[in-house]
Every structure is written in structure tokens, then in C-alpha cells.
Amino acid sequence: MDASTLEMVLTAYDETVQDAEAAGHSAAIAHAEGITAAAMLLAAVTGVEDAAARKEVEGINPRARLAA
């Protein structure tokens, strides 16, 4: 994944988590929604299958990257 795609994926994750938490969802639910949103974006941008995109997003661990 190139740097600009990674940035878009992390942004999609972060914004979705923030929105979910603001709506009163737990951190676990917000994280799951963030992973889904980031994977959907990655699939749309790269054309990979949904399951492969989700696995890739989970592999980059967006929560840890954003916490650093």
C-alpha cells in the first residue's frame, strides 16, 4: 500500500471511530466500524476483494498506528 492510500485508510478509520464514539458506541464497536469503513475505502480505491481489503486493514493495525 502506498503512502497516500495508507493515509486515506487511516483517515477513514479515524473519522469513523470518532463518529461512532460520539454517537455513544463502545470503543469495541467504534473500532469494528472503523475497520469496516477503512476496508471499504481500500477495496474501492484498489479494486481488491472486500475480504482481502479487510485483512490488509487489520494487518496494518490502524488503532496502534494512530496512537503512536
C-alpha atoms as a PDB file:
ATOM      1  CA  MET A   1       0.000   0.000   0.000  1.00  0.00           C
ATOM      2  CA  ASP A   2       1.451   3.353  -0.978  1.00  0.00           C
ATOM      3  CA  ALA A   3       1.675   6.273   1.430  1.00  0.00           C
ATOM      4  CA  SER A   4      -1.307   8.216   0.064  1.00  0.00           C
ATOM      5  CA  THR A   5      -3.566   5.164   0.205  1.00  0.00           C
ATOM      6  CA  LEU A   6      -2.396   4.422   3.734  1.00  0.00           C
ATOM      7  CA  GLU A   7      -3.207   7.984   4.750  1.00  0.00           C
ATOM      8  CA  MET A   8      -6.721   7.695   3.269  1.00  0.00           C
ATOM      9  CA  VAL A   9      -7.293   4.370   5.019  1.00  0.00           C
ATOM     10  CA  LEU A  10      -6.135   5.738   8.371  1.00  0.00           C
ATOM     11  CA  THR A  11      -8.287   8.841   7.943  1.00  0.00           C
ATOM     12  CA  ALA A  12     -11.368   6.763   7.107  1.00  0.00           C
ATOM     13  CA  TYR A  13     -10.729   4.602  10.159  1.00  0.00           C
ATOM     14  CA  ASP A  14     -10.144   7.548  12.496  1.00  0.00           C
ATOM     15  CA  GLU A  15     -13.131   9.590  11.350  1.00  0.00           C
ATOM     16  CA  THR A  16     -15.452   6.606  11.593  1.00  0.00           C
ATOM     17  CA  VAL A  17     -14.239   5.723  15.074  1.00  0.00           C
ATOM     18  CA  GLN A  18     -14.710   9.315  16.233  1.00  0.00           C
ATOM     19  CA  ASP A  19     -18.221   9.455  14.766  1.00  0.00           C
ATOM     20  CA  ALA A  20     -19.188   6.138  16.348  1.00  0.00           C
ATOM     21  CA  GLU A  21     -17.852   7.129  19.749  1.00  0.00           C
ATOM     22  CA  ALA A  22     -19.611  10.499  19.518  1.00  0.00           C
ATOM     23  CA  ALA A  23     -22.831   8.586  18.830  1.00  0.00           C
ATOM     24  CA  GLY A  24     -22.336   6.711  22.095  1.00  0.00           C
ATOM     25  CA  HIS A  25     -20.977   3.408  20.800  1.00  0.00           C
ATOM     26  CA  SER A  26     -18.398   1.489  22.809  1.00  0.00           C
ATOM     27  CA  ALA A  27     -14.746   1.562  21.821  1.00  0.00           C
ATOM     28  CA  ALA A  28     -15.027  -2.007  20.530  1.00  0.00           C
ATOM     29  CA  ILE A  29     -17.984  -1.190  18.283  1.00  0.00           C
ATOM     30  CA  ALA A  30     -16.325   2.014  17.103  1.00  0.00           C
ATOM     31  CA  HIS A  31     -13.172   0.077  16.236  1.00  0.00           C
ATOM     32  CA  ALA A  32     -15.146  -2.529  14.287  1.00  0.00           C
ATOM     33  CA  GLU A  33     -16.960   0.205  12.365  1.00  0.00           C
ATOM     34  CA  GLY A  34     -13.641   1.919  11.670  1.00  0.00           C
ATOM     35  CA  ILE A  35     -12.120  -1.269  10.289  1.00  0.00           C
ATOM     36  CA  THR A  36     -15.145  -1.786   8.052  1.00  0.00           C
ATOM     37  CA  ALA A  37     -15.057   1.775   6.720  1.00  0.00           C
ATOM     38  CA  ALA A  38     -11.318   1.643   6.073  1.00  0.00           C
ATOM     39  CA  ALA A  39     -11.639  -1.715   4.313  1.00  0.00           C
ATOM     40  CA  MET A  40     -14.484  -0.447   2.146  1.00  0.00           C
ATOM     41  CA  LEU A  41     -12.391   2.538   1.115  1.00  0.00           C
ATOM     42  CA  LEU A  42      -9.373   0.353   0.368  1.00  0.00           C
ATOM     43  CA  ALA A  43     -11.479  -2.016  -1.729  1.00  0.00           C
ATOM     44  CA  ALA A  44     -12.954   0.889  -3.676  1.00  0.00           C
ATOM     45  CA  VAL A  45      -9.604   2.568  -4.303  1.00  0.00           C
ATOM     46  CA  THR A  46      -7.595  -0.526  -5.182  1.00  0.00           C
ATOM     47  CA  GLY A  47     -10.222  -2.861  -6.612  1.00  0.00           C
ATOM     48  CA  VAL A  48      -9.293  -5.737  -4.313  1.00  0.00           C
ATOM     49  CA  GLU A  49     -11.969  -8.031  -2.907  1.00  0.00           C
ATOM     50  CA  ASP A  50     -13.674  -6.942   0.311  1.00  0.00           C
ATOM     51  CA  ALA A  51     -12.246  -9.787   2.395  1.00  0.00           C
ATOM     52  CA  ALA A  52      -8.708  -9.101   1.180  1.00  0.00           C
ATOM     53  CA  ALA A  53      -9.098  -5.388   1.899  1.00  0.00           C
ATOM     54  CA  ARG A  54     -10.359  -6.103   5.410  1.00  0.00           C
ATOM     55  CA  LYS A  55      -7.441  -8.446   6.082  1.00  0.00           C
ATOM     56  CA  GLU A  56      -4.987  -5.810   4.857  1.00  0.00           C
ATOM     57  CA  VAL A  57      -6.543  -3.091   7.032  1.00  0.00           C
ATOM     58  CA  GLU A  58      -6.487  -5.361  10.066  1.00  0.00           C
ATOM     59  CA  GLY A  59      -2.842  -6.153   9.277  1.00  0.00           C
ATOM     60  CA  ILE A  60      -1.777  -2.520   9.376  1.00  0.00           C
ATOM     61  CA  ASN A  61      -3.424  -2.119  12.808  1.00  0.00           C
ATOM     62  CA  PRO A  62      -4.807   1.404  12.359  1.00  0.00           C
ATOM     63  CA  ARG A  63      -5.581   1.861  16.053  1.00  0.00           C
ATOM     64  CA  ALA A  64      -1.931   1.328  17.002  1.00  0.00           C
ATOM     65  CA  ARG A  65      -0.632   3.473  14.130  1.00  0.00           C
ATOM     66  CA  LEU A  66      -2.858   6.371  15.098  1.00  0.00           C
ATOM     67  CA  ALA A  67      -1.987   6.053  18.783  1.00  0.00           C
ATOM     68  CA  ALA A  68       1.731   6.363  18.041  1.00  0.00           C
END
